[in-house]
Amino acid sequence: MQNVNCPLCSQDNAAPVFTAEDRLRLAPDSFTLVRCAGCGLVYLNPRPDDRELLGYYPETYWGDRQKGVREILRGLEERFKEAYKVRAVARAGLAHGRVLDVGCGRGEFLAMLRGKGFEVVGLEPGPEAARRGAEEYGLDIINGSLGQARLPEASFDAATLWHVLEHLPDPLGALMELRKALKPGGMLFVAAPDFGSWQAGRYEADWLGVDAPRHLTHFTRQTLSAMLSRAGFGEAVYHDGGVRYEAAMLVRSAWPGLNYKKLAALGAGRTSRYLYKAVQLALDAALLPAGLLIGLAGRGCTFVAVSRKV
């Protein structure tokens, strides 16, 4: 565990918000979220160092590979889940160009963008996910972190971070690196849980968006805008993350036991996997109307921010 200053303004003046346990029960200790007195950013402090943090990401965190029909169904489900990203790109008016996806996983989103005529590059620190993306989709995926990649300057028309920025130990430094890699006026897409949302306030430490210790920084629209400005980006336009996230996160926040039970089910037999999946889908479907109402009220639990390099 290491103590850190505020990732946004570097001050060492923060007050505790609450403590949270690992929802996957991989970490034995609880973790404290603090709020910076200077800029209002909420972040984990103290937090695991980089090496320790790797141990809190199970192999199934990004999904496991299936066989035969199950793998085909998994691929279809992933493409359905990734569709909101493609819609966000289209809504921002980006119709062509070279796109970098940071934390691309297996690359389903990049494969969908490539099908629409984009030139795509992925950056993924997980070696297995990067390998699978290259093999299954024929994608150009760099295995490593932003600091290791040494991206050429002014070489991308857009960069995307889909629920990645909150995982990074130095989010401000990452945004600055991406600014260098973008062409003048290049677009940046950032999706993240909204710590100012209704769900965050209602469920606090049980909210799925906390995900301690994997989520190191917790953004509101105000604190992310401040970080984007400090990194050299213009005013951000925000969109709701969508009803799919709203319902799914509502289920897992209202019934936090499902989170570690999912991990146990994935490591168990076929019956456990299918039973968990059936319960998960039933609850997600049941809470879709509630998720829709929360989103319509402007209190959605995730957002997508779109900004440009200035």
C-alpha atoms as a PDB file:
ATOM      1  CA  MET A   1       0.000   0.000   0.000  1.00  0.00           C
ATOM      2  CA  GLN A   2       1.228   3.471  -0.846  1.00  0.00           C
ATOM      3  CA  ASN A   3       0.027   6.961  -0.011  1.00  0.00           C
ATOM      4  CA  VAL A   4      -0.528   9.293  -2.953  1.00  0.00           C
ATOM      5  CA  ASN A   5      -1.354  12.950  -3.466  1.00  0.00           C
ATOM      6  CA  CYS A   6      -4.390  14.058  -5.433  1.00  0.00           C
ATOM      7  CA  PRO A   7      -4.099  12.825  -9.054  1.00  0.00           C
ATOM      8  CA  LEU A   8      -5.574  16.100 -10.326  1.00  0.00           C
ATOM      9  CA  CYS A   9      -4.089  18.980  -8.323  1.00  0.00           C
ATOM     10  CA  SER A  10      -1.274  17.153  -6.441  1.00  0.00           C
ATOM     11  CA  GLN A  11      -2.383  18.470  -3.046  1.00  0.00           C
ATOM     12  CA  ASP A  12      -2.001  16.306   0.048  1.00  0.00           C
ATOM     13  CA  ASN A  13      -5.143  17.501   1.781  1.00  0.00           C
ATOM     14  CA  ALA A  14      -8.000  15.008   1.567  1.00  0.00           C
ATOM     15  CA  ALA A  15     -10.737  13.784   3.904  1.00  0.00           C
ATOM     16  CA  PRO A  16     -12.180  10.250   4.025  1.00  0.00           C
ATOM     17  CA  VAL A  17     -15.478   9.645   2.212  1.00  0.00           C
ATOM     18  CA  PHE A  18     -16.050   5.989   3.156  1.00  0.00           C
ATOM     19  CA  THR A  19     -14.303   2.622   3.184  1.00  0.00           C
ATOM     20  CA  ALA A  20     -15.106  -0.185   0.767  1.00  0.00           C
ATOM     21  CA  GLU A  21     -14.280  -3.858   0.526  1.00  0.00           C
ATOM     22  CA  ASP A  22     -13.287  -5.702  -2.634  1.00  0.00           C
ATOM     23  CA  ARG A  23     -16.576  -6.806  -4.258  1.00  0.00           C
ATOM     24  CA  LEU A  24     -14.780  -9.889  -5.668  1.00  0.00           C
ATOM     25  CA  ARG A  25     -13.299 -10.772  -2.262  1.00  0.00           C
ATOM     26  CA  LEU A  26      -9.792 -11.062  -3.680  1.00  0.00           C
ATOM     27  CA  ALA A  27      -8.304  -8.417  -1.391  1.00  0.00           C
ATOM     28  CA  PRO A  28      -8.311  -9.143   2.360  1.00  0.00           C
ATOM     29  CA  ASP A  29      -8.365  -5.497   3.459  1.00  0.00           C
ATOM     30  CA  SER A  30     -10.796  -2.616   3.096  1.00  0.00           C
ATOM     31  CA  PHE A  31      -9.916   0.509   1.116  1.00  0.00           C
ATOM     32  CA  THR A  32     -10.564   4.177   1.826  1.00  0.00           C
ATOM     33  CA  LEU A  33     -11.911   6.679  -0.671  1.00  0.00           C
ATOM     34  CA  VAL A  34     -10.913  10.270   0.063  1.00  0.00           C
ATOM     35  CA  ARG A  35     -11.993  13.619  -1.377  1.00  0.00           C
ATOM     36  CA  CYS A  36      -9.417  16.307  -2.143  1.00  0.00           C
ATOM     37  CA  ALA A  37     -10.109  19.554  -0.278  1.00  0.00           C
ATOM     38  CA  GLY A  38      -8.562  21.538  -3.107  1.00  0.00           C
ATOM     39  CA  CYS A  39     -10.324  20.284  -6.258  1.00  0.00           C
ATOM     40  CA  GLY A  40     -12.979  17.844  -5.015  1.00  0.00           C
ATOM     41  CA  LEU A  41     -11.600  14.762  -6.781  1.00  0.00           C
ATOM     42  CA  VAL A  42     -12.333  11.443  -5.058  1.00  0.00           C
ATOM     43  CA  TYR A  43      -9.611   8.798  -5.152  1.00  0.00           C
ATOM     44  CA  LEU A  44      -8.311   5.707  -3.346  1.00  0.00           C
ATOM     45  CA  ASN A  45      -5.730   6.483  -0.656  1.00  0.00           C
ATOM     46  CA  PRO A  46      -3.701   4.612   0.365  1.00  0.00           C
ATOM     47  CA  ARG A  47      -3.748   2.215  -2.558  1.00  0.00           C
ATOM     48  CA  PRO A  48      -1.921  -0.935  -3.703  1.00  0.00           C
ATOM     49  CA  ASP A  49       1.243  -0.435  -5.715  1.00  0.00           C
ATOM     50  CA  ASP A  50       1.252  -1.509  -9.366  1.00  0.00           C
ATOM     51  CA  ARG A  51       2.560  -5.026  -8.723  1.00  0.00           C
ATOM     52  CA  GLU A  52       0.084  -5.756  -5.942  1.00  0.00           C
ATOM     53  CA  LEU A  53      -2.792  -4.331  -7.960  1.00  0.00           C
ATOM     54  CA  LEU A  54      -2.285  -6.884 -10.734  1.00  0.00           C
ATOM     55  CA  GLY A  55      -3.219  -9.630  -8.297  1.00  0.00           C
ATOM     56  CA  TYR A  56      -6.697  -8.182  -7.864  1.00  0.00           C
ATOM     57  CA  TYR A  57      -7.642  -8.695 -11.521  1.00  0.00           C
ATOM     58  CA  PRO A  58      -8.878 -12.281 -11.969  1.00  0.00           C
ATOM     59  CA  GLU A  59      -8.356 -13.995 -15.312  1.00  0.00           C
ATOM     60  CA  THR A  60     -12.091 -13.788 -15.961  1.00  0.00           C
ATOM     61  CA  TYR A  61     -12.271 -10.011 -15.314  1.00  0.00           C
ATOM     62  CA  TRP A  62     -12.519  -9.366 -19.065  1.00  0.00           C
ATOM     63  CA  GLY A  63     -14.469 -12.561 -19.743  1.00  0.00           C
ATOM     64  CA  ASP A  64     -13.262 -16.050 -20.482  1.00  0.00           C
ATOM     65  CA  ARG A  65     -13.115 -17.865 -23.781  1.00  0.00           C
ATOM     66  CA  GLN A  66     -15.827 -20.423 -24.525  1.00  0.00           C
ATOM     67  CA  LYS A  67     -15.993 -23.203 -27.114  1.00  0.00           C
ATOM     68  CA  GLY A  68     -18.203 -23.894 -30.106  1.00  0.00           C
ATOM     69  CA  VAL A  69     -21.684 -22.397 -29.985  1.00  0.00           C
ATOM     70  CA  ARG A  70     -21.029 -20.792 -26.592  1.00  0.00           C
ATOM     71  CA  GLU A  71     -18.109 -18.823 -28.046  1.00  0.00           C
ATOM     72  CA  ILE A  72     -20.265 -17.679 -30.972  1.00  0.00           C
ATOM     73  CA  LEU A  73     -22.958 -16.523 -28.549  1.00  0.00           C
ATOM     74  CA  ARG A  74     -20.347 -14.779 -26.394  1.00  0.00           C
ATOM     75  CA  GLY A  75     -19.056 -12.930 -29.440  1.00  0.00           C
ATOM     76  CA  LEU A  76     -22.566 -11.797 -30.380  1.00  0.00           C
ATOM     77  CA  GLU A  77     -23.196 -10.629 -26.828  1.00  0.00           C
ATOM     78  CA  GLU A  78     -19.923  -8.684 -26.792  1.00  0.00           C
ATOM     79  CA  ARG A  79     -20.748  -6.982 -30.077  1.00  0.00           C
ATOM     80  CA  PHE A  80     -24.154  -6.001 -28.717  1.00  0.00           C
ATOM     81  CA  LYS A  81     -22.493  -4.575 -25.606  1.00  0.00           C
ATOM     82  CA  GLU A  82     -19.906  -2.696 -27.676  1.00  0.00           C
ATOM     83  CA  ALA A  83     -22.501  -1.111 -29.957  1.00  0.00           C
ATOM     84  CA  TYR A  84     -22.967   1.906 -27.668  1.00  0.00           C
ATOM     85  CA  LYS A  85     -19.338   2.854 -28.277  1.00  0.00           C
ATOM     86  CA  VAL A  86     -19.854   2.875 -32.028  1.00  0.00           C
ATOM     87  CA  ARG A  87     -22.985   4.990 -31.548  1.00  0.00           C
ATOM     88  CA  ALA A  88     -21.032   7.453 -29.373  1.00  0.00           C
ATOM     89  CA  VAL A  89     -18.408   7.848 -32.103  1.00  0.00           C
ATOM     90  CA  ALA A  90     -21.086   8.409 -34.749  1.00  0.00           C
ATOM     91  CA  ARG A  91     -22.986  10.873 -32.533  1.00  0.00           C
ATOM     92  CA  ALA A  92     -19.799  12.952 -32.173  1.00  0.00           C
ATOM     93  CA  GLY A  93     -19.576  13.236 -35.958  1.00  0.00           C
ATOM     94  CA  LEU A  94     -16.440  11.136 -36.410  1.00  0.00           C
ATOM     95  CA  ALA A  95     -16.901   9.263 -39.677  1.00  0.00           C
ATOM     96  CA  HIS A  96     -13.363   8.241 -40.657  1.00  0.00           C
ATOM     97  CA  GLY A  97      -9.734   8.408 -39.580  1.00  0.00           C
ATOM     98  CA  ARG A  98      -7.231   6.611 -37.386  1.00  0.00           C
ATOM     99  CA  VAL A  99      -8.488   5.641 -33.934  1.00  0.00           C
ATOM    100  CA  LEU A 100      -6.560   4.432 -30.875  1.00  0.00           C
ATOM    101  CA  ASP A 101      -8.484   2.453 -28.239  1.00  0.00           C
ATOM    102  CA  VAL A 102      -6.685   2.374 -24.893  1.00  0.00           C
ATOM    103  CA  GLY A 103      -7.477  -0.738 -22.867  1.00  0.00           C
ATOM    104  CA  CYS A 104      -9.036  -2.380 -25.901  1.00  0.00           C
ATOM    105  CA  GLY A 105      -9.338  -5.863 -24.384  1.00  0.00           C
ATOM    106  CA  ARG A 106      -9.995  -8.404 -27.115  1.00  0.00           C
ATOM    107  CA  GLY A 107     -10.803  -5.652 -29.611  1.00  0.00           C
ATOM    108  CA  GLU A 108     -14.499  -6.162 -30.416  1.00  0.00           C
ATOM    109  CA  PHE A 109     -15.041  -2.396 -30.597  1.00  0.00           C
ATOM    110  CA  LEU A 110     -12.044  -1.919 -32.882  1.00  0.00           C
ATOM    111  CA  ALA A 111     -13.240  -4.715 -35.160  1.00  0.00           C
ATOM    112  CA  MET A 112     -16.625  -3.009 -35.454  1.00  0.00           C
ATOM    113  CA  LEU A 113     -14.992   0.361 -36.228  1.00  0.00           C
ATOM    114  CA  ARG A 114     -12.738  -1.210 -38.838  1.00  0.00           C
ATOM    115  CA  GLY A 115     -15.842  -2.605 -40.511  1.00  0.00           C
ATOM    116  CA  LYS A 116     -17.038   0.981 -40.922  1.00  0.00           C
ATOM    117  CA  GLY A 117     -13.848   2.039 -42.702  1.00  0.00           C
ATOM    118  CA  PHE A 118     -11.733   3.332 -39.808  1.00  0.00           C
ATOM    119  CA  GLU A 119      -8.046   2.570 -39.391  1.00  0.00           C
ATOM    120  CA  VAL A 120      -7.704   1.167 -35.882  1.00  0.00           C
ATOM    121  CA  VAL A 121      -4.969   0.490 -33.328  1.00  0.00           C
ATOM    122  CA  GLY A 122      -5.415  -1.028 -29.878  1.00  0.00           C
ATOM    123  CA  LEU A 123      -3.396  -0.680 -26.693  1.00  0.00           C
ATOM    124  CA  GLU A 124      -3.897  -3.439 -24.115  1.00  0.00           C
ATOM    125  CA  PRO A 125      -1.724  -4.234 -21.051  1.00  0.00           C
ATOM    126  CA  GLY A 126      -3.175  -7.745 -20.655  1.00  0.00           C
ATOM    127  CA  PRO A 127      -1.044 -10.127 -22.780  1.00  0.00           C
ATOM    128  CA  GLU A 128      -3.781 -12.753 -23.195  1.00  0.00           C
ATOM    129  CA  ALA A 129      -6.433 -10.247 -24.284  1.00  0.00           C
ATOM    130  CA  ALA A 130      -3.985  -8.590 -26.687  1.00  0.00           C
ATOM    131  CA  ARG A 131      -3.006 -11.946 -28.179  1.00  0.00           C
ATOM    132  CA  ARG A 132      -6.582 -13.050 -28.650  1.00  0.00           C
ATOM    133  CA  GLY A 133      -7.554  -9.761 -30.298  1.00  0.00           C
ATOM    134  CA  ALA A 134      -4.694 -10.047 -32.759  1.00  0.00           C
ATOM    135  CA  GLU A 135      -5.440 -13.703 -33.529  1.00  0.00           C
ATOM    136  CA  GLU A 136      -9.237 -13.618 -33.649  1.00  0.00           C
ATOM    137  CA  TYR A 137      -9.742 -10.279 -35.392  1.00  0.00           C
ATOM    138  CA  GLY A 138      -6.387  -9.643 -37.078  1.00  0.00           C
ATOM    139  CA  LEU A 139      -6.046  -6.356 -35.215  1.00  0.00           C
ATOM    140  CA  ASP A 140      -2.971  -4.242 -34.600  1.00  0.00           C
ATOM    141  CA  ILE A 141      -2.848  -4.392 -30.786  1.00  0.00           C
ATOM    142  CA  ILE A 142       0.121  -3.088 -28.813  1.00  0.00           C
ATOM    143  CA  ASN A 143       0.657  -5.102 -25.642  1.00  0.00           C
ATOM    144  CA  GLY A 144       1.677  -2.596 -22.975  1.00  0.00           C
ATOM    145  CA  SER A 145       0.739   0.569 -21.125  1.00  0.00           C
ATOM    146  CA  LEU A 146       0.622   4.137 -22.405  1.00  0.00           C
ATOM    147  CA  GLY A 147       4.014   4.873 -20.886  1.00  0.00           C
ATOM    148  CA  GLN A 148       5.559   1.822 -22.556  1.00  0.00           C
ATOM    149  CA  ALA A 149       3.972   2.249 -25.984  1.00  0.00           C
ATOM    150  CA  ARG A 150       5.902   5.368 -27.110  1.00  0.00           C
ATOM    151  CA  LEU A 151       3.136   6.400 -29.468  1.00  0.00           C
ATOM    152  CA  PRO A 152       4.204   8.663 -32.338  1.00  0.00           C
ATOM    153  CA  GLU A 153       3.094  12.252 -31.902  1.00  0.00           C
ATOM    154  CA  ALA A 154       0.135  13.676 -33.832  1.00  0.00           C
ATOM    155  CA  SER A 155      -0.665  10.314 -35.404  1.00  0.00           C
ATOM    156  CA  PHE A 156      -4.318   9.674 -34.435  1.00  0.00           C
ATOM    157  CA  ASP A 157      -7.575  11.399 -35.303  1.00  0.00           C
ATOM    158  CA  ALA A 158      -9.247  10.103 -32.141  1.00  0.00           C
ATOM    159  CA  ALA A 159      -8.496   8.182 -28.962  1.00  0.00           C
ATOM    160  CA  THR A 160     -10.937   6.301 -26.749  1.00  0.00           C
ATOM    161  CA  LEU A 161     -10.907   5.210 -23.110  1.00  0.00           C
ATOM    162  CA  TRP A 162     -13.966   3.083 -22.373  1.00  0.00           C
ATOM    163  CA  HIS A 163     -14.088   2.633 -18.592  1.00  0.00           C
ATOM    164  CA  VAL A 164     -10.299   2.661 -18.422  1.00  0.00           C
ATOM    165  CA  LEU A 165      -9.262   6.041 -16.982  1.00  0.00           C
ATOM    166  CA  GLU A 166     -10.484   5.168 -13.482  1.00  0.00           C
ATOM    167  CA  HIS A 167      -8.113   2.170 -13.448  1.00  0.00           C
ATOM    168  CA  LEU A 168      -4.945   4.127 -14.295  1.00  0.00           C
ATOM    169  CA  PRO A 169      -2.530   5.142 -11.506  1.00  0.00           C
ATOM    170  CA  ASP A 170      -1.788   8.487 -13.216  1.00  0.00           C
ATOM    171  CA  PRO A 171      -4.909   9.539 -15.154  1.00  0.00           C
ATOM    172  CA  LEU A 172      -3.687  13.085 -15.759  1.00  0.00           C
ATOM    173  CA  GLY A 173      -0.381  11.831 -17.159  1.00  0.00           C
ATOM    174  CA  ALA A 174      -2.272   9.375 -19.387  1.00  0.00           C
ATOM    175  CA  LEU A 175      -4.430  12.162 -20.807  1.00  0.00           C
ATOM    176  CA  MET A 176      -1.327  14.238 -21.502  1.00  0.00           C
ATOM    177  CA  GLU A 177       0.260  11.304 -23.334  1.00  0.00           C
ATOM    178  CA  LEU A 178      -2.866  10.889 -25.434  1.00  0.00           C
ATOM    179  CA  ARG A 179      -2.907  14.587 -26.260  1.00  0.00           C
ATOM    180  CA  LYS A 180       0.576  14.233 -27.742  1.00  0.00           C
ATOM    181  CA  ALA A 181      -0.546  11.269 -29.840  1.00  0.00           C
ATOM    182  CA  LEU A 182      -3.566  13.118 -31.247  1.00  0.00           C
ATOM    183  CA  LYS A 183      -3.509  15.309 -34.311  1.00  0.00           C
ATOM    184  CA  PRO A 184      -4.480  18.983 -33.863  1.00  0.00           C
ATOM    185  CA  GLY A 185      -8.176  19.048 -33.068  1.00  0.00           C
ATOM    186  CA  GLY A 186      -8.196  15.296 -32.489  1.00  0.00           C
ATOM    187  CA  MET A 187     -11.103  13.878 -30.510  1.00  0.00           C
ATOM    188  CA  LEU A 188     -10.994  12.140 -27.142  1.00  0.00           C
ATOM    189  CA  PHE A 189     -13.748   9.865 -25.812  1.00  0.00           C
ATOM    190  CA  VAL A 190     -13.796   9.007 -22.099  1.00  0.00           C
ATOM    191  CA  ALA A 191     -16.446   6.731 -20.547  1.00  0.00           C
ATOM    192  CA  ALA A 192     -16.449   6.365 -16.768  1.00  0.00           C
ATOM    193  CA  PRO A 193     -18.712   5.723 -13.773  1.00  0.00           C
ATOM    194  CA  ASP A 194     -20.245   8.960 -12.450  1.00  0.00           C
ATOM    195  CA  PHE A 195     -19.500   9.412  -8.743  1.00  0.00           C
ATOM    196  CA  GLY A 196     -22.096  12.186  -8.710  1.00  0.00           C
ATOM    197  CA  SER A 197     -24.881   9.887  -9.895  1.00  0.00           C
ATOM    198  CA  TRP A 198     -27.977   8.728  -8.012  1.00  0.00           C
ATOM    199  CA  GLN A 199     -26.643   5.177  -7.737  1.00  0.00           C
ATOM    200  CA  ALA A 200     -23.340   6.346  -6.271  1.00  0.00           C
ATOM    201  CA  GLY A 201     -25.137   8.351  -3.596  1.00  0.00           C
ATOM    202  CA  ARG A 202     -27.693   5.651  -2.846  1.00  0.00           C
ATOM    203  CA  TYR A 203     -25.381   2.632  -2.534  1.00  0.00           C
ATOM    204  CA  GLU A 204     -22.059   4.278  -1.565  1.00  0.00           C
ATOM    205  CA  ALA A 205     -19.542   1.504  -0.742  1.00  0.00           C
ATOM    206  CA  ASP A 206     -21.785  -1.146  -2.340  1.00  0.00           C
ATOM    207  CA  TRP A 207     -22.029   0.743  -5.635  1.00  0.00           C
ATOM    208  CA  LEU A 208     -20.487  -1.273  -8.455  1.00  0.00           C
ATOM    209  CA  GLY A 209     -18.700   1.841  -9.719  1.00  0.00           C
ATOM    210  CA  VAL A 210     -16.521   1.907  -6.591  1.00  0.00           C
ATOM    211  CA  ASP A 211     -14.908  -1.456  -7.469  1.00  0.00           C
ATOM    212  CA  ALA A 212     -12.077  -1.035  -4.958  1.00  0.00           C
ATOM    213  CA  PRO A 213      -9.183  -1.495  -5.337  1.00  0.00           C
ATOM    214  CA  ARG A 214      -9.331  -1.694  -9.162  1.00  0.00           C
ATOM    215  CA  HIS A 215     -10.902   1.754  -9.575  1.00  0.00           C
ATOM    216  CA  LEU A 216      -8.313   4.192  -8.300  1.00  0.00           C
ATOM    217  CA  THR A 217      -9.971   7.493  -9.243  1.00  0.00           C
ATOM    218  CA  HIS A 218     -13.668   8.399  -9.065  1.00  0.00           C
ATOM    219  CA  PHE A 219     -14.862  11.116 -11.422  1.00  0.00           C
ATOM    220  CA  THR A 220     -17.816  13.427 -11.579  1.00  0.00           C
ATOM    221  CA  ARG A 221     -18.457  15.472 -14.697  1.00  0.00           C
ATOM    222  CA  GLN A 222     -16.922  18.475 -12.947  1.00  0.00           C
ATOM    223  CA  THR A 223     -13.700  16.780 -11.846  1.00  0.00           C
ATOM    224  CA  LEU A 224     -13.195  15.052 -15.193  1.00  0.00           C
ATOM    225  CA  SER A 225     -13.703  18.374 -17.000  1.00  0.00           C
ATOM    226  CA  ALA A 226     -11.078  19.934 -14.743  1.00  0.00           C
ATOM    227  CA  MET A 227      -8.625  17.118 -15.495  1.00  0.00           C
ATOM    228  CA  LEU A 228      -9.272  17.319 -19.242  1.00  0.00           C
ATOM    229  CA  SER A 229      -8.648  21.061 -19.176  1.00  0.00           C
ATOM    230  CA  ARG A 230      -5.393  20.636 -17.260  1.00  0.00           C
ATOM    231  CA  ALA A 231      -4.284  17.996 -19.792  1.00  0.00           C
ATOM    232  CA  GLY A 232      -4.836  20.374 -22.712  1.00  0.00           C
ATOM    233  CA  PHE A 233      -8.308  19.468 -23.941  1.00  0.00           C
ATOM    234  CA  GLY A 234     -11.247  21.740 -24.640  1.00  0.00           C
ATOM    235  CA  GLU A 235     -14.677  21.822 -23.049  1.00  0.00           C
ATOM    236  CA  ALA A 236     -16.239  18.374 -22.924  1.00  0.00           C
ATOM    237  CA  VAL A 237     -19.693  17.390 -24.129  1.00  0.00           C
ATOM    238  CA  TYR A 238     -21.304  14.735 -21.917  1.00  0.00           C
ATOM    239  CA  HIS A 239     -23.759  11.999 -22.804  1.00  0.00           C
ATOM    240  CA  ASP A 240     -25.437   9.415 -20.597  1.00  0.00           C
ATOM    241  CA  GLY A 241     -23.763   6.005 -20.687  1.00  0.00           C
ATOM    242  CA  GLY A 242     -27.012   4.218 -21.548  1.00  0.00           C
ATOM    243  CA  VAL A 243     -29.721   2.117 -19.982  1.00  0.00           C
ATOM    244  CA  ARG A 244     -27.757  -1.138 -20.352  1.00  0.00           C
ATOM    245  CA  TYR A 245     -25.120   0.073 -17.905  1.00  0.00           C
ATOM    246  CA  GLU A 246     -27.751   1.626 -15.673  1.00  0.00           C
ATOM    247  CA  ALA A 247     -29.725  -1.593 -15.192  1.00  0.00           C
ATOM    248  CA  ALA A 248     -26.689  -3.887 -14.934  1.00  0.00           C
ATOM    249  CA  MET A 249     -24.955  -1.695 -12.350  1.00  0.00           C
ATOM    250  CA  LEU A 250     -28.187  -1.258 -10.423  1.00  0.00           C
ATOM    251  CA  VAL A 251     -28.554  -5.030 -10.099  1.00  0.00           C
ATOM    252  CA  ARG A 252     -24.995  -5.533  -8.918  1.00  0.00           C
ATOM    253  CA  SER A 253     -25.184  -2.616  -6.473  1.00  0.00           C
ATOM    254  CA  ALA A 254     -28.522  -3.622  -4.964  1.00  0.00           C
ATOM    255  CA  TRP A 255     -27.364  -7.250  -4.620  1.00  0.00           C
ATOM    256  CA  PRO A 256     -23.579  -6.971  -4.114  1.00  0.00           C
ATOM    257  CA  GLY A 257     -23.278 -10.686  -3.349  1.00  0.00           C
ATOM    258  CA  LEU A 258     -23.762 -11.395  -7.054  1.00  0.00           C
ATOM    259  CA  ASN A 259     -20.326  -9.972  -7.786  1.00  0.00           C
ATOM    260  CA  TYR A 260     -18.232 -12.590  -6.000  1.00  0.00           C
ATOM    261  CA  LYS A 261     -20.769 -15.315  -6.737  1.00  0.00           C
ATOM    262  CA  LYS A 262     -20.203 -14.622 -10.438  1.00  0.00           C
ATOM    263  CA  LEU A 263     -16.473 -15.167  -9.991  1.00  0.00           C
ATOM    264  CA  ALA A 264     -17.140 -18.421  -8.132  1.00  0.00           C
ATOM    265  CA  ALA A 265     -19.596 -19.557 -10.835  1.00  0.00           C
ATOM    266  CA  LEU A 266     -17.108 -18.901 -13.626  1.00  0.00           C
ATOM    267  CA  GLY A 267     -14.629 -21.186 -11.899  1.00  0.00           C
ATOM    268  CA  ALA A 268     -17.182 -23.890 -11.227  1.00  0.00           C
ATOM    269  CA  GLY A 269     -19.015 -26.312 -13.486  1.00  0.00           C
ATOM    270  CA  ARG A 270     -21.309 -25.713 -16.421  1.00  0.00           C
ATOM    271  CA  THR A 271     -24.493 -25.764 -14.306  1.00  0.00           C
ATOM    272  CA  SER A 272     -23.208 -22.986 -12.030  1.00  0.00           C
ATOM    273  CA  ARG A 273     -22.256 -20.831 -15.005  1.00  0.00           C
ATOM    274  CA  TYR A 274     -25.638 -21.130 -16.660  1.00  0.00           C
ATOM    275  CA  LEU A 275     -27.548 -20.664 -13.401  1.00  0.00           C
ATOM    276  CA  TYR A 276     -25.680 -17.452 -12.631  1.00  0.00           C
ATOM    277  CA  LYS A 277     -26.165 -16.184 -16.176  1.00  0.00           C
ATOM    278  CA  ALA A 278     -29.909 -16.863 -16.036  1.00  0.00           C
ATOM    279  CA  VAL A 279     -30.294 -15.007 -12.723  1.00  0.00           C
ATOM    280  CA  GLN A 280     -28.183 -12.125 -13.999  1.00  0.00           C
ATOM    281  CA  LEU A 281     -30.177 -11.708 -17.219  1.00  0.00           C
ATOM    282  CA  ALA A 282     -33.515 -11.967 -15.403  1.00  0.00           C
ATOM    283  CA  LEU A 283     -32.589  -9.241 -12.910  1.00  0.00           C
ATOM    284  CA  ASP A 284     -31.103  -7.019 -15.621  1.00  0.00           C
ATOM    285  CA  ALA A 285     -34.303  -7.277 -17.652  1.00  0.00           C
ATOM    286  CA  ALA A 286     -36.514  -6.626 -14.617  1.00  0.00           C
ATOM    287  CA  LEU A 287     -34.671  -3.399 -13.764  1.00  0.00           C
ATOM    288  CA  LEU A 288     -34.458  -2.002 -17.301  1.00  0.00           C
ATOM    289  CA  PRO A 289     -37.498   0.277 -16.731  1.00  0.00           C
ATOM    290  CA  ALA A 290     -35.946   1.657 -13.535  1.00  0.00           C
ATOM    291  CA  GLY A 291     -32.653   2.221 -15.355  1.00  0.00           C
ATOM    292  CA  LEU A 292     -34.465   4.027 -18.146  1.00  0.00           C
ATOM    293  CA  LEU A 293     -36.220   6.374 -15.714  1.00  0.00           C
ATOM    294  CA  ILE A 294     -32.979   7.183 -13.887  1.00  0.00           C
ATOM    295  CA  GLY A 295     -31.278   7.957 -17.192  1.00  0.00           C
ATOM    296  CA  LEU A 296     -34.144  10.159 -18.372  1.00  0.00           C
ATOM    297  CA  ALA A 297     -33.901  12.089 -15.107  1.00  0.00           C
ATOM    298  CA  GLY A 298     -30.267  12.904 -15.905  1.00  0.00           C
ATOM    299  CA  ARG A 299     -28.906  10.931 -12.960  1.00  0.00           C
ATOM    300  CA  GLY A 300     -27.329   8.049 -14.895  1.00  0.00           C
ATOM    301  CA  CYS A 301     -24.483   6.134 -13.262  1.00  0.00           C
ATOM    302  CA  THR A 302     -22.075   6.387 -16.229  1.00  0.00           C
ATOM    303  CA  PHE A 303     -21.235   9.015 -18.804  1.00  0.00           C
ATOM    304  CA  VAL A 304     -19.329   9.450 -22.045  1.00  0.00           C
ATOM    305  CA  ALA A 305     -17.294  12.663 -22.333  1.00  0.00           C
ATOM    306  CA  VAL A 306     -16.186  13.917 -25.755  1.00  0.00           C
ATOM    307  CA  SER A 307     -13.491  16.562 -25.996  1.00  0.00           C
ATOM    308  CA  ARG A 308     -10.904  17.851 -28.470  1.00  0.00           C
ATOM    309  CA  LYS A 309      -7.210  18.594 -28.311  1.00  0.00           C
ATOM    310  CA  VAL A 310      -6.543  22.326 -28.110  1.00  0.00           C
END
